[in-house]
Amino acid sequence: MILEYTFSGGYAKTPNTVTVPTACWKVIVVLPPGGHAPADIQADTRVIAVDMPNTQGIKAKDWRTFLTTVREIEAITGYDFLSTAPKSIQDQIETKKDTGRARAVRTGTRGGRNP
C-alpha cells in the first residue's frame, strides 16, 4: 500500500497564483505477498515514511536523509494512518523510523540464496 500526497503545511505562491507545496511525503506499508488487509499489518510490519521538502538542490541527496516516522507525518497532515490496525500495533509501527535499508528475504531455499 502506498500513499502519496502533498501537504499544505505552508504553501508558497508564485506571481501567477500557482500554489506550490512546501513538501511532499510518502508512507509505504510493506506487506507480505498477497497481504492487503488490516489483519496483515503486524507489530513487525515494515513501514517507510519520508518527508521531502519541495526545494531546489535535493535531487543529489540520498532519500534516506528524509526518513521520518508515520506519527510525524500524522502530526503535520492531521491524517490517521493505519487506523484500522489495532492501536497497540499502530503505536509500535508508527513511531519507528525505518533505516531505509532492504531487509533479507527468505526464499525457502537452503542458505536463503536463490539457485
PDB file of N, CA and C in Angstrom:
ATOM      1  N   MET A   1       0.857  -1.164   0.000  1.00  0.00           N
ATOM      2  CA  MET A   1       0.000   0.000   0.000  1.00  0.00           C
ATOM      3  C   MET A   1       0.902   1.226   0.000  1.00  0.00           C
ATOM      4  N   ILE A   2       0.712   2.131  -0.923  1.00  0.00           N
ATOM      5  CA  ILE A   2       1.498   3.350  -0.994  1.00  0.00           C
ATOM      6  C   ILE A   2       0.547   4.536  -0.977  1.00  0.00           C
ATOM      7  N   LEU A   3       0.802   5.476  -0.108  1.00  0.00           N
ATOM      8  CA  LEU A   3       0.011   6.694  -0.026  1.00  0.00           C
ATOM      9  C   LEU A   3       0.946   7.857  -0.321  1.00  0.00           C
ATOM     10  N   GLU A   4       0.582   8.670  -1.272  1.00  0.00           N
ATOM     11  CA  GLU A   4       1.456   9.795  -1.609  1.00  0.00           C
ATOM     12  C   GLU A   4       0.613  11.029  -1.836  1.00  0.00           C
ATOM     13  N   TYR A   5       0.869  12.045  -1.064  1.00  0.00           N
ATOM     14  CA  TYR A   5       0.119  13.282  -1.166  1.00  0.00           C
ATOM     15  C   TYR A   5       1.061  14.445  -0.954  1.00  0.00           C
ATOM     16  N   THR A   6       0.584  15.599  -1.257  1.00  0.00           N
ATOM     17  CA  THR A   6       1.308  16.826  -0.977  1.00  0.00           C
ATOM     18  C   THR A   6       0.566  17.520   0.145  1.00  0.00           C
ATOM     19  N   PHE A   7       1.286  17.924   1.176  1.00  0.00           N
ATOM     20  CA  PHE A   7       0.578  18.546   2.281  1.00  0.00           C
ATOM     21  C   PHE A   7       0.654  20.056   2.209  1.00  0.00           C
ATOM     22  N   SER A   8      -0.229  20.704   2.934  1.00  0.00           N
ATOM     23  CA  SER A   8      -0.370  22.154   2.830  1.00  0.00           C
ATOM     24  C   SER A   8       0.275  22.888   3.986  1.00  0.00           C
ATOM     25  N   GLY A   9       1.243  22.297   4.637  1.00  0.00           N
ATOM     26  CA  GLY A   9       1.889  22.943   5.772  1.00  0.00           C
ATOM     27  C   GLY A   9       2.740  24.118   5.342  1.00  0.00           C
ATOM     28  N   GLY A  10       2.151  25.169   4.791  1.00  0.00           N
ATOM     29  CA  GLY A  10       2.872  26.365   4.420  1.00  0.00           C
ATOM     30  C   GLY A  10       3.161  26.455   2.932  1.00  0.00           C
ATOM     31  N   TYR A  11       2.177  26.820   2.176  1.00  0.00           N
ATOM     32  CA  TYR A  11       2.346  26.953   0.732  1.00  0.00           C
ATOM     33  C   TYR A  11       3.081  28.238   0.380  1.00  0.00           C
ATOM     34  N   ALA A  12       3.771  28.199  -0.735  1.00  0.00           N
ATOM     35  CA  ALA A  12       4.375  29.396  -1.307  1.00  0.00           C
ATOM     36  C   ALA A  12       3.622  29.695  -2.598  1.00  0.00           C
ATOM     37  N   LYS A  13       3.326  30.931  -2.859  1.00  0.00           N
ATOM     38  CA  LYS A  13       2.588  31.279  -4.076  1.00  0.00           C
ATOM     39  C   LYS A  13       3.508  31.992  -5.049  1.00  0.00           C
ATOM     40  N   THR A  14       3.398  31.606  -6.302  1.00  0.00           N
ATOM     41  CA  THR A  14       4.165  32.275  -7.348  1.00  0.00           C
ATOM     42  C   THR A  14       3.397  33.512  -7.793  1.00  0.00           C
ATOM     43  N   PRO A  15       4.035  34.385  -8.550  1.00  0.00           N
ATOM     44  CA  PRO A  15       3.325  35.590  -9.012  1.00  0.00           C
ATOM     45  C   PRO A  15       2.056  35.278  -9.815  1.00  0.00           C
ATOM     46  N   ASN A  16       1.989  34.119 -10.452  1.00  0.00           N
ATOM     47  CA  ASN A  16       0.803  33.757 -11.238  1.00  0.00           C
ATOM     48  C   ASN A  16      -0.236  33.028 -10.407  1.00  0.00           C
ATOM     49  N   THR A  17      -0.149  33.087  -9.115  1.00  0.00           N
ATOM     50  CA  THR A  17      -1.046  32.457  -8.144  1.00  0.00           C
ATOM     51  C   THR A  17      -1.117  30.943  -8.262  1.00  0.00           C
ATOM     52  N   VAL A  18      -0.051  30.337  -8.736  1.00  0.00           N
ATOM     53  CA  VAL A  18       0.033  28.879  -8.737  1.00  0.00           C
ATOM     54  C   VAL A  18       0.518  28.470  -7.348  1.00  0.00           C
ATOM     55  N   THR A  19      -0.230  27.603  -6.711  1.00  0.00           N
ATOM     56  CA  THR A  19       0.136  27.177  -5.379  1.00  0.00           C
ATOM     57  C   THR A  19       1.152  26.048  -5.461  1.00  0.00           C
ATOM     58  N   VAL A  20       2.261  26.214  -4.787  1.00  0.00           N
ATOM     59  CA  VAL A  20       3.343  25.234  -4.800  1.00  0.00           C
ATOM     60  C   VAL A  20       3.487  24.661  -3.398  1.00  0.00           C
ATOM     61  N   PRO A  21       3.404  23.349  -3.247  1.00  0.00           N
ATOM     62  CA  PRO A  21       3.535  22.771  -1.910  1.00  0.00           C
ATOM     63  C   PRO A  21       4.958  22.927  -1.385  1.00  0.00           C
ATOM     64  N   THR A  22       5.075  23.071  -0.073  1.00  0.00           N
ATOM     65  CA  THR A  22       6.392  23.209   0.528  1.00  0.00           C
ATOM     66  C   THR A  22       7.093  21.876   0.705  1.00  0.00           C
ATOM     67  N   ALA A  23       6.335  20.798   0.709  1.00  0.00           N
ATOM     68  CA  ALA A  23       6.929  19.473   0.890  1.00  0.00           C
ATOM     69  C   ALA A  23       5.995  18.394   0.374  1.00  0.00           C
ATOM     70  N   CYS A  24       6.564  17.235   0.126  1.00  0.00           N
ATOM     71  CA  CYS A  24       5.797  16.053  -0.262  1.00  0.00           C
ATOM     72  C   CYS A  24       6.185  14.926   0.678  1.00  0.00           C
ATOM     73  N   TRP A  25       5.247  14.070   0.986  1.00  0.00           N
ATOM     74  CA  TRP A  25       5.539  12.954   1.877  1.00  0.00           C
ATOM     75  C   TRP A  25       4.987  11.670   1.296  1.00  0.00           C
ATOM     76  N   LYS A  26       5.503  10.581   1.817  1.00  0.00           N
ATOM     77  CA  LYS A  26       5.055   9.266   1.374  1.00  0.00           C
ATOM     78  C   LYS A  26       5.105   8.316   2.555  1.00  0.00           C
ATOM     79  N   VAL A  27       4.105   7.458   2.651  1.00  0.00           N
ATOM     80  CA  VAL A  27       4.051   6.397   3.653  1.00  0.00           C
ATOM     81  C   VAL A  27       3.897   5.082   2.897  1.00  0.00           C
ATOM     82  N   ILE A  28       4.805   4.154   3.133  1.00  0.00           N
ATOM     83  CA  ILE A  28       4.779   2.863   2.457  1.00  0.00           C
ATOM     84  C   ILE A  28       4.676   1.774   3.512  1.00  0.00           C
ATOM     85  N   VAL A  29       3.660   0.939   3.388  1.00  0.00           N
ATOM     86  CA  VAL A  29       3.486  -0.207   4.276  1.00  0.00           C
ATOM     87  C   VAL A  29       3.856  -1.439   3.468  1.00  0.00           C
ATOM     88  N   VAL A  30       4.889  -2.143   3.900  1.00  0.00           N
ATOM     89  CA  VAL A  30       5.400  -3.307   3.171  1.00  0.00           C
ATOM     90  C   VAL A  30       4.725  -4.558   3.732  1.00  0.00           C
ATOM     91  N   LEU A  31       3.829  -5.128   2.936  1.00  0.00           N
ATOM     92  CA  LEU A  31       3.094  -6.316   3.358  1.00  0.00           C
ATOM     93  C   LEU A  31       3.649  -7.553   2.670  1.00  0.00           C
ATOM     94  N   PRO A  32       3.435  -8.721   3.260  1.00  0.00           N
ATOM     95  CA  PRO A  32       3.894  -9.954   2.615  1.00  0.00           C
ATOM     96  C   PRO A  32       3.127 -10.186   1.316  1.00  0.00           C
ATOM     97  N   PRO A  33       3.685 -10.987   0.415  1.00  0.00           N
ATOM     98  CA  PRO A  33       2.974 -11.274  -0.835  1.00  0.00           C
ATOM     99  C   PRO A  33       1.540 -11.733  -0.551  1.00  0.00           C
ATOM    100  N   GLY A  34       0.608 -11.130  -1.235  1.00  0.00           N
ATOM    101  CA  GLY A  34      -0.799 -11.464  -1.046  1.00  0.00           C
ATOM    102  C   GLY A  34      -1.447 -10.709   0.109  1.00  0.00           C
ATOM    103  N   GLY A  35      -0.634 -10.037   0.919  1.00  0.00           N
ATOM    104  CA  GLY A  35      -1.171  -9.294   2.054  1.00  0.00           C
ATOM    105  C   GLY A  35      -1.781  -7.981   1.602  1.00  0.00           C
ATOM    106  N   HIS A  36      -2.961  -7.675   2.091  1.00  0.00           N
ATOM    107  CA  HIS A  36      -3.604  -6.425   1.718  1.00  0.00           C
ATOM    108  C   HIS A  36      -4.697  -6.012   2.693  1.00  0.00           C
ATOM    109  N   ALA A  37      -4.882  -6.755   3.746  1.00  0.00           N
ATOM    110  CA  ALA A  37      -5.945  -6.468   4.706  1.00  0.00           C
ATOM    111  C   ALA A  37      -5.344  -5.929   6.002  1.00  0.00           C
ATOM    112  N   PRO A  38      -6.133  -5.179   6.771  1.00  0.00           N
ATOM    113  CA  PRO A  38      -5.628  -4.688   8.061  1.00  0.00           C
ATOM    114  C   PRO A  38      -5.068  -5.804   8.944  1.00  0.00           C
ATOM    115  N   ALA A  39      -5.622  -6.996   8.838  1.00  0.00           N
ATOM    116  CA  ALA A  39      -5.131  -8.124   9.643  1.00  0.00           C
ATOM    117  C   ALA A  39      -3.712  -8.521   9.269  1.00  0.00           C
ATOM    118  N   ASP A  40      -3.255  -8.123   8.077  1.00  0.00           N
ATOM    119  CA  ASP A  40      -1.901  -8.440   7.634  1.00  0.00           C
ATOM    120  C   ASP A  40      -0.859  -7.493   8.225  1.00  0.00           C
ATOM    121  N   ILE A  41      -1.295  -6.412   8.851  1.00  0.00           N
ATOM    122  CA  ILE A  41      -0.375  -5.466   9.478  1.00  0.00           C
ATOM    123  C   ILE A  41      -0.090  -5.954  10.893  1.00  0.00           C
ATOM    124  N   GLN A  42       1.171  -6.244  11.149  1.00  0.00           N
ATOM    125  CA  GLN A  42       1.602  -6.771  12.442  1.00  0.00           C
ATOM    126  C   GLN A  42       2.619  -5.817  13.070  1.00  0.00           C
ATOM    127  N   ALA A  43       3.025  -6.101  14.294  1.00  0.00           N
ATOM    128  CA  ALA A  43       3.977  -5.253  15.011  1.00  0.00           C
ATOM    129  C   ALA A  43       5.329  -5.183  14.311  1.00  0.00           C
ATOM    130  N   ASP A  44       5.660  -6.208  13.523  1.00  0.00           N
ATOM    131  CA  ASP A  44       6.941  -6.201  12.821  1.00  0.00           C
ATOM    132  C   ASP A  44       6.810  -5.790  11.354  1.00  0.00           C
ATOM    133  N   THR A  45       5.647  -5.290  10.948  1.00  0.00           N
ATOM    134  CA  THR A  45       5.452  -4.831   9.583  1.00  0.00           C
ATOM    135  C   THR A  45       6.350  -3.624   9.320  1.00  0.00           C
ATOM    136  N   ARG A  46       7.031  -3.659   8.190  1.00  0.00           N
ATOM    137  CA  ARG A  46       7.912  -2.556   7.830  1.00  0.00           C
ATOM    138  C   ARG A  46       7.091  -1.397   7.285  1.00  0.00           C
ATOM    139  N   VAL A  47       7.335  -0.232   7.824  1.00  0.00           N
ATOM    140  CA  VAL A  47       6.678   0.988   7.361  1.00  0.00           C
ATOM    141  C   VAL A  47       7.774   2.014   7.085  1.00  0.00           C
ATOM    142  N   ILE A  48       7.762   2.543   5.868  1.00  0.00           N
ATOM    143  CA  ILE A  48       8.753   3.531   5.464  1.00  0.00           C
ATOM    144  C   ILE A  48       8.016   4.857   5.272  1.00  0.00           C
ATOM    145  N   ALA A  49       8.477   5.891   5.960  1.00  0.00           N
ATOM    146  CA  ALA A  49       7.869   7.212   5.839  1.00  0.00           C
ATOM    147  C   ALA A  49       8.955   8.225   5.501  1.00  0.00           C
ATOM    148  N   VAL A  50       8.676   9.059   4.504  1.00  0.00           N
ATOM    149  CA  VAL A  50       9.607  10.120   4.133  1.00  0.00           C
ATOM    150  C   VAL A  50       8.857  11.442   4.009  1.00  0.00           C
ATOM    151  N   ASP A  51       9.548  12.513   4.316  1.00  0.00           N
ATOM    152  CA  ASP A  51       9.008  13.865   4.210  1.00  0.00           C
ATOM    153  C   ASP A  51      10.073  14.696   3.505  1.00  0.00           C
ATOM    154  N   MET A  52       9.811  15.034   2.234  1.00  0.00           N
ATOM    155  CA  MET A  52      10.813  15.692   1.399  1.00  0.00           C
ATOM    156  C   MET A  52      10.423  17.134   1.103  1.00  0.00           C
ATOM    157  N   PRO A  53      11.320  18.076   1.394  1.00  0.00           N
ATOM    158  CA  PRO A  53      10.999  19.465   1.061  1.00  0.00           C
ATOM    159  C   PRO A  53      10.953  19.650  -0.450  1.00  0.00           C
ATOM    160  N   ASN A  54      10.077  20.490  -0.896  1.00  0.00           N
ATOM    161  CA  ASN A  54       9.943  20.785  -2.317  1.00  0.00           C
ATOM    162  C   ASN A  54      10.842  21.980  -2.640  1.00  0.00           C
ATOM    163  N   THR A  55      12.155  21.717  -2.629  1.00  0.00           N
ATOM    164  CA  THR A  55      13.121  22.779  -2.863  1.00  0.00           C
ATOM    165  C   THR A  55      14.153  22.337  -3.895  1.00  0.00           C
ATOM    166  N   GLN A  56      14.817  23.302  -4.457  1.00  0.00           N
ATOM    167  CA  GLN A  56      15.886  23.021  -5.403  1.00  0.00           C
ATOM    168  C   GLN A  56      17.065  22.398  -4.658  1.00  0.00           C
ATOM    169  N   GLY A  57      17.785  21.519  -5.334  1.00  0.00           N
ATOM    170  CA  GLY A  57      19.026  21.005  -4.787  1.00  0.00           C
ATOM    171  C   GLY A  57      18.945  19.726  -3.979  1.00  0.00           C
ATOM    172  N   ILE A  58      17.763  19.129  -3.840  1.00  0.00           N
ATOM    173  CA  ILE A  58      17.704  17.899  -3.051  1.00  0.00           C
ATOM    174  C   ILE A  58      17.863  16.645  -3.909  1.00  0.00           C
ATOM    175  N   LYS A  59      17.855  16.803  -5.214  1.00  0.00           N
ATOM    176  CA  LYS A  59      17.948  15.647  -6.110  1.00  0.00           C
ATOM    177  C   LYS A  59      19.203  14.816  -5.842  1.00  0.00           C
ATOM    178  N   ALA A  60      20.286  15.449  -5.500  1.00  0.00           N
ATOM    179  CA  ALA A  60      21.545  14.742  -5.271  1.00  0.00           C
ATOM    180  C   ALA A  60      21.626  14.123  -3.878  1.00  0.00           C
ATOM    181  N   LYS A  61      20.700  14.470  -2.990  1.00  0.00           N
ATOM    182  CA  LYS A  61      20.731  13.931  -1.635  1.00  0.00           C
ATOM    183  C   LYS A  61      20.178  12.517  -1.603  1.00  0.00           C
ATOM    184  N   ASP A  62      20.724  11.710  -0.722  1.00  0.00           N
ATOM    185  CA  ASP A  62      20.224  10.356  -0.502  1.00  0.00           C
ATOM    186  C   ASP A  62      18.811  10.459   0.084  1.00  0.00           C
ATOM    187  N   TRP A  63      17.881   9.710  -0.447  1.00  0.00           N
ATOM    188  CA  TRP A  63      16.490   9.784   0.009  1.00  0.00           C
ATOM    189  C   TRP A  63      16.356   9.450   1.481  1.00  0.00           C
ATOM    190  N   ARG A  64      17.297   8.687   2.024  1.00  0.00           N
ATOM    191  CA  ARG A  64      17.241   8.315   3.439  1.00  0.00           C
ATOM    192  C   ARG A  64      17.371   9.531   4.359  1.00  0.00           C
ATOM    193  N   THR A  65      17.897  10.607   3.821  1.00  0.00           N
ATOM    194  CA  THR A  65      18.004  11.857   4.581  1.00  0.00           C
ATOM    195  C   THR A  65      16.630  12.314   5.058  1.00  0.00           C
ATOM    196  N   PHE A  66      15.610  11.948   4.327  1.00  0.00           N
ATOM    197  CA  PHE A  66      14.270  12.445   4.591  1.00  0.00           C
ATOM    198  C   PHE A  66      13.382  11.444   5.330  1.00  0.00           C
ATOM    199  N   LEU A  67      13.977  10.359   5.832  1.00  0.00           N
ATOM    200  CA  LEU A  67      13.204   9.380   6.607  1.00  0.00           C
ATOM    201  C   LEU A  67      12.644  10.023   7.865  1.00  0.00           C
ATOM    202  N   THR A  68      11.443   9.628   8.203  1.00  0.00           N
ATOM    203  CA  THR A  68      10.773  10.130   9.399  1.00  0.00           C
ATOM    204  C   THR A  68       9.869   9.026   9.921  1.00  0.00           C
ATOM    205  N   THR A  69       8.980   9.355  10.823  1.00  0.00           N
ATOM    206  CA  THR A  69       8.025   8.365  11.320  1.00  0.00           C
ATOM    207  C   THR A  69       6.630   8.701  10.800  1.00  0.00           C
ATOM    208  N   VAL A  70       5.773   7.704  10.822  1.00  0.00           N
ATOM    209  CA  VAL A  70       4.376   7.925  10.428  1.00  0.00           C
ATOM    210  C   VAL A  70       3.741   8.943  11.369  1.00  0.00           C
ATOM    211  N   ARG A  71       4.053   8.860  12.650  1.00  0.00           N
ATOM    212  CA  ARG A  71       3.471   9.800  13.621  1.00  0.00           C
ATOM    213  C   ARG A  71       3.832  11.244  13.297  1.00  0.00           C
ATOM    214  N   GLU A  72       5.059  11.467  12.835  1.00  0.00           N
ATOM    215  CA  GLU A  72       5.454  12.830  12.479  1.00  0.00           C
ATOM    216  C   GLU A  72       4.645  13.322  11.281  1.00  0.00           C
ATOM    217  N   ILE A  73       4.400  12.459  10.318  1.00  0.00           N
ATOM    218  CA  ILE A  73       3.587  12.858   9.163  1.00  0.00           C
ATOM    219  C   ILE A  73       2.134  13.052   9.584  1.00  0.00           C
ATOM    220  N   GLU A  74       1.640  12.219  10.481  1.00  0.00           N
ATOM    221  CA  GLU A  74       0.279  12.398  11.003  1.00  0.00           C
ATOM    222  C   GLU A  74       0.134  13.752  11.684  1.00  0.00           C
ATOM    223  N   ALA A  75       1.151  14.158  12.441  1.00  0.00           N
ATOM    224  CA  ALA A  75       1.103  15.439  13.144  1.00  0.00           C
ATOM    225  C   ALA A  75       1.047  16.612  12.167  1.00  0.00           C
ATOM    226  N   ILE A  76       1.761  16.491  11.059  1.00  0.00           N
ATOM    227  CA  ILE A  76       1.798  17.553  10.058  1.00  0.00           C
ATOM    228  C   ILE A  76       0.488  17.620   9.269  1.00  0.00           C
ATOM    229  N   THR A  77      -0.052  16.457   8.911  1.00  0.00           N
ATOM    230  CA  THR A  77      -1.194  16.406   7.996  1.00  0.00           C
ATOM    231  C   THR A  77      -2.552  16.330   8.662  1.00  0.00           C
ATOM    232  N   GLY A  78      -2.594  15.813   9.878  1.00  0.00           N
ATOM    233  CA  GLY A  78      -3.880  15.596  10.540  1.00  0.00           C
ATOM    234  C   GLY A  78      -4.527  14.273  10.164  1.00  0.00           C
ATOM    235  N   TYR A  79      -3.874  13.507   9.291  1.00  0.00           N
ATOM    236  CA  TYR A  79      -4.392  12.195   8.916  1.00  0.00           C
ATOM    237  C   TYR A  79      -4.062  11.174   9.998  1.00  0.00           C
ATOM    238  N   ASP A  80      -4.867  10.108  10.058  1.00  0.00           N
ATOM    239  CA  ASP A  80      -4.622   8.996  10.975  1.00  0.00           C
ATOM    240  C   ASP A  80      -4.395   7.751  10.134  1.00  0.00           C
ATOM    241  N   PHE A  81      -3.120   7.473   9.827  1.00  0.00           N
ATOM    242  CA  PHE A  81      -2.789   6.312   9.018  1.00  0.00           C
ATOM    243  C   PHE A  81      -2.930   5.039   9.840  1.00  0.00           C
ATOM    244  N   LEU A  82      -3.142   3.954   9.137  1.00  0.00           N
ATOM    245  CA  LEU A  82      -3.199   2.622   9.739  1.00  0.00           C
ATOM    246  C   LEU A  82      -4.245   2.535  10.845  1.00  0.00           C
ATOM    247  N   SER A  83      -5.277   3.339  10.747  1.00  0.00           N
ATOM    248  CA  SER A  83      -6.290   3.415  11.796  1.00  0.00           C
ATOM    249  C   SER A  83      -7.124   2.140  11.922  1.00  0.00           C
ATOM    250  N   THR A  84      -7.076   1.271  10.916  1.00  0.00           N
ATOM    251  CA  THR A  84      -7.820   0.023  11.021  1.00  0.00           C
ATOM    252  C   THR A  84      -7.012  -1.073  11.721  1.00  0.00           C
ATOM    253  N   ALA A  85      -5.734  -0.824  11.931  1.00  0.00           N
ATOM    254  CA  ALA A  85      -4.913  -1.780  12.690  1.00  0.00           C
ATOM    255  C   ALA A  85      -5.152  -1.553  14.176  1.00  0.00           C
ATOM    256  N   PRO A  86      -4.988  -2.582  15.000  1.00  0.00           N
ATOM    257  CA  PRO A  86      -5.155  -2.392  16.441  1.00  0.00           C
ATOM    258  C   PRO A  86      -4.238  -1.282  16.971  1.00  0.00           C
ATOM    259  N   LYS A  87      -4.714  -0.524  17.940  1.00  0.00           N
ATOM    260  CA  LYS A  87      -3.971   0.615  18.490  1.00  0.00           C
ATOM    261  C   LYS A  87      -2.588   0.201  18.991  1.00  0.00           C
ATOM    262  N   SER A  88      -2.473  -0.958  19.600  1.00  0.00           N
ATOM    263  CA  SER A  88      -1.172  -1.401  20.113  1.00  0.00           C
ATOM    264  C   SER A  88      -0.161  -1.595  18.981  1.00  0.00           C
ATOM    265  N   ILE A  89      -0.640  -2.075  17.833  1.00  0.00           N
ATOM    266  CA  ILE A  89       0.245  -2.249  16.672  1.00  0.00           C
ATOM    267  C   ILE A  89       0.577  -0.890  16.070  1.00  0.00           C
ATOM    268  N   GLN A  90      -0.423  -0.014  15.967  1.00  0.00           N
ATOM    269  CA  GLN A  90      -0.160   1.339  15.466  1.00  0.00           C
ATOM    270  C   GLN A  90       0.927   2.012  16.290  1.00  0.00           C
ATOM    271  N   ASP A  91       0.822   1.894  17.609  1.00  0.00           N
ATOM    272  CA  ASP A  91       1.790   2.548  18.487  1.00  0.00           C
ATOM    273  C   ASP A  91       3.208   2.036  18.248  1.00  0.00           C
ATOM    274  N   GLN A  92       3.342   0.794  17.866  1.00  0.00           N
ATOM    275  CA  GLN A  92       4.668   0.232  17.621  1.00  0.00           C
ATOM    276  C   GLN A  92       5.228   0.640  16.267  1.00  0.00           C
ATOM    277  N   ILE A  93       4.439   0.504  15.211  1.00  0.00           N
ATOM    278  CA  ILE A  93       4.997   0.723  13.875  1.00  0.00           C
ATOM    279  C   ILE A  93       4.963   2.179  13.425  1.00  0.00           C
ATOM    280  N   GLU A  94       4.089   2.984  14.000  1.00  0.00           N
ATOM    281  CA  GLU A  94       4.014   4.384  13.588  1.00  0.00           C
ATOM    282  C   GLU A  94       5.081   5.244  14.250  1.00  0.00           C
ATOM    283  N   THR A  95       5.734   4.731  15.262  1.00  0.00           N
ATOM    284  CA  THR A  95       6.739   5.519  15.974  1.00  0.00           C
ATOM    285  C   THR A  95       8.169   5.103  15.643  1.00  0.00           C
ATOM    286  N   LYS A  96       8.321   4.055  14.814  1.00  0.00           N
ATOM    287  CA  LYS A  96       9.657   3.604  14.403  1.00  0.00           C
ATOM    288  C   LYS A  96      10.081   4.325  13.133  1.00  0.00           C
ATOM    289  N   LYS A  97      11.337   4.764  13.101  1.00  0.00           N
ATOM    290  CA  LYS A  97      11.894   5.332  11.871  1.00  0.00           C
ATOM    291  C   LYS A  97      12.641   4.216  11.164  1.00  0.00           C
ATOM    292  N   ASP A  98      12.268   3.934   9.933  1.00  0.00           N
ATOM    293  CA  ASP A  98      12.907   2.886   9.152  1.00  0.00           C
ATOM    294  C   ASP A  98      14.347   3.277   8.824  1.00  0.00           C
ATOM    295  N   THR A  99      15.171   2.281   8.574  1.00  0.00           N
ATOM    296  CA  THR A  99      16.570   2.536   8.237  1.00  0.00           C
ATOM    297  C   THR A  99      16.768   2.870   6.763  1.00  0.00           C
ATOM    298  N   GLY A 100      15.792   2.491   5.943  1.00  0.00           N
ATOM    299  CA  GLY A 100      15.941   2.700   4.514  1.00  0.00           C
ATOM    300  C   GLY A 100      16.763   1.615   3.840  1.00  0.00           C
ATOM    301  N   ARG A 101      17.141   0.626   4.586  1.00  0.00           N
ATOM    302  CA  ARG A 101      17.933  -0.484   4.051  1.00  0.00           C
ATOM    303  C   ARG A 101      17.016  -1.683   3.839  1.00  0.00           C
ATOM    304  N   ALA A 102      17.202  -2.357   2.717  1.00  0.00           N
ATOM    305  CA  ALA A 102      16.396  -3.540   2.420  1.00  0.00           C
ATOM    306  C   ALA A 102      16.706  -4.637   3.421  1.00  0.00           C
ATOM    307  N   ARG A 103      15.701  -5.371   3.774  1.00  0.00           N
ATOM    308  CA  ARG A 103      15.868  -6.493   4.690  1.00  0.00           C
ATOM    309  C   ARG A 103      16.062  -7.771   3.892  1.00  0.00           C
ATOM    310  N   ALA A 104      16.742  -8.719   4.495  1.00  0.00           N
ATOM    311  CA  ALA A 104      16.935 -10.021   3.854  1.00  0.00           C
ATOM    312  C   ALA A 104      15.587 -10.692   3.667  1.00  0.00           C
ATOM    313  N   VAL A 105      15.426 -11.356   2.555  1.00  0.00           N
ATOM    314  CA  VAL A 105      14.178 -12.041   2.241  1.00  0.00           C
ATOM    315  C   VAL A 105      14.445 -13.532   2.240  1.00  0.00           C
ATOM    316  N   ARG A 106      13.649 -14.266   2.985  1.00  0.00           N
ATOM    317  CA  ARG A 106      13.781 -15.722   2.999  1.00  0.00           C
ATOM    318  C   ARG A 106      13.086 -16.285   1.777  1.00  0.00           C
ATOM    319  N   THR A 107      13.796 -17.098   1.051  1.00  0.00           N
ATOM    320  CA  THR A 107      13.232 -17.652  -0.175  1.00  0.00           C
ATOM    321  C   THR A 107      12.784 -19.092  -0.013  1.00  0.00           C
ATOM    322  N   GLY A 108      13.139 -19.696   1.108  1.00  0.00           N
ATOM    323  CA  GLY A 108      12.776 -21.091   1.314  1.00  0.00           C
ATOM    324  C   GLY A 108      13.811 -22.051   0.768  1.00  0.00           C
ATOM    325  N   THR A 109      14.865 -21.535   0.158  1.00  0.00           N
ATOM    326  CA  THR A 109      15.923 -22.411  -0.336  1.00  0.00           C
ATOM    327  C   THR A 109      17.028 -22.490   0.708  1.00  0.00           C
ATOM    328  N   ARG A 110      17.857 -23.459   0.608  1.00  0.00           N
ATOM    329  CA  ARG A 110      18.926 -23.642   1.567  1.00  0.00           C
ATOM    330  C   ARG A 110      19.840 -22.421   1.574  1.00  0.00           C
ATOM    331  N   GLY A 111      20.115 -21.946   2.767  1.00  0.00           N
ATOM    332  CA  GLY A 111      21.005 -20.804   2.909  1.00  0.00           C
ATOM    333  C   GLY A 111      20.376 -19.480   2.511  1.00  0.00           C
ATOM    334  N   GLY A 112      19.094 -19.498   2.180  1.00  0.00           N
ATOM    335  CA  GLY A 112      18.408 -18.264   1.808  1.00  0.00           C
ATOM    336  C   GLY A 112      18.836 -17.697   0.470  1.00  0.00           C
ATOM    337  N   ARG A 113      19.545 -18.487  -0.331  1.00  0.00           N
ATOM    338  CA  ARG A 113      20.003 -17.993  -1.636  1.00  0.00           C
ATOM    339  C   ARG A 113      19.158 -18.581  -2.745  1.00  0.00           C
ATOM    340  N   ASN A 114      19.017 -17.823  -3.782  1.00  0.00           N
ATOM    341  CA  ASN A 114      18.335 -18.342  -4.966  1.00  0.00           C
ATOM    342  C   ASN A 114      19.302 -19.207  -5.745  1.00  0.00           C
ATOM    343  N   PRO A 115      18.831 -20.293  -6.329  1.00  0.00           N
ATOM    344  CA  PRO A 115      19.728 -21.156  -7.113  1.00  0.00           C
ATOM    345  C   PRO A 115      20.280 -20.462  -8.323  1.00  0.00           C
TER     346      PRO A 115
END
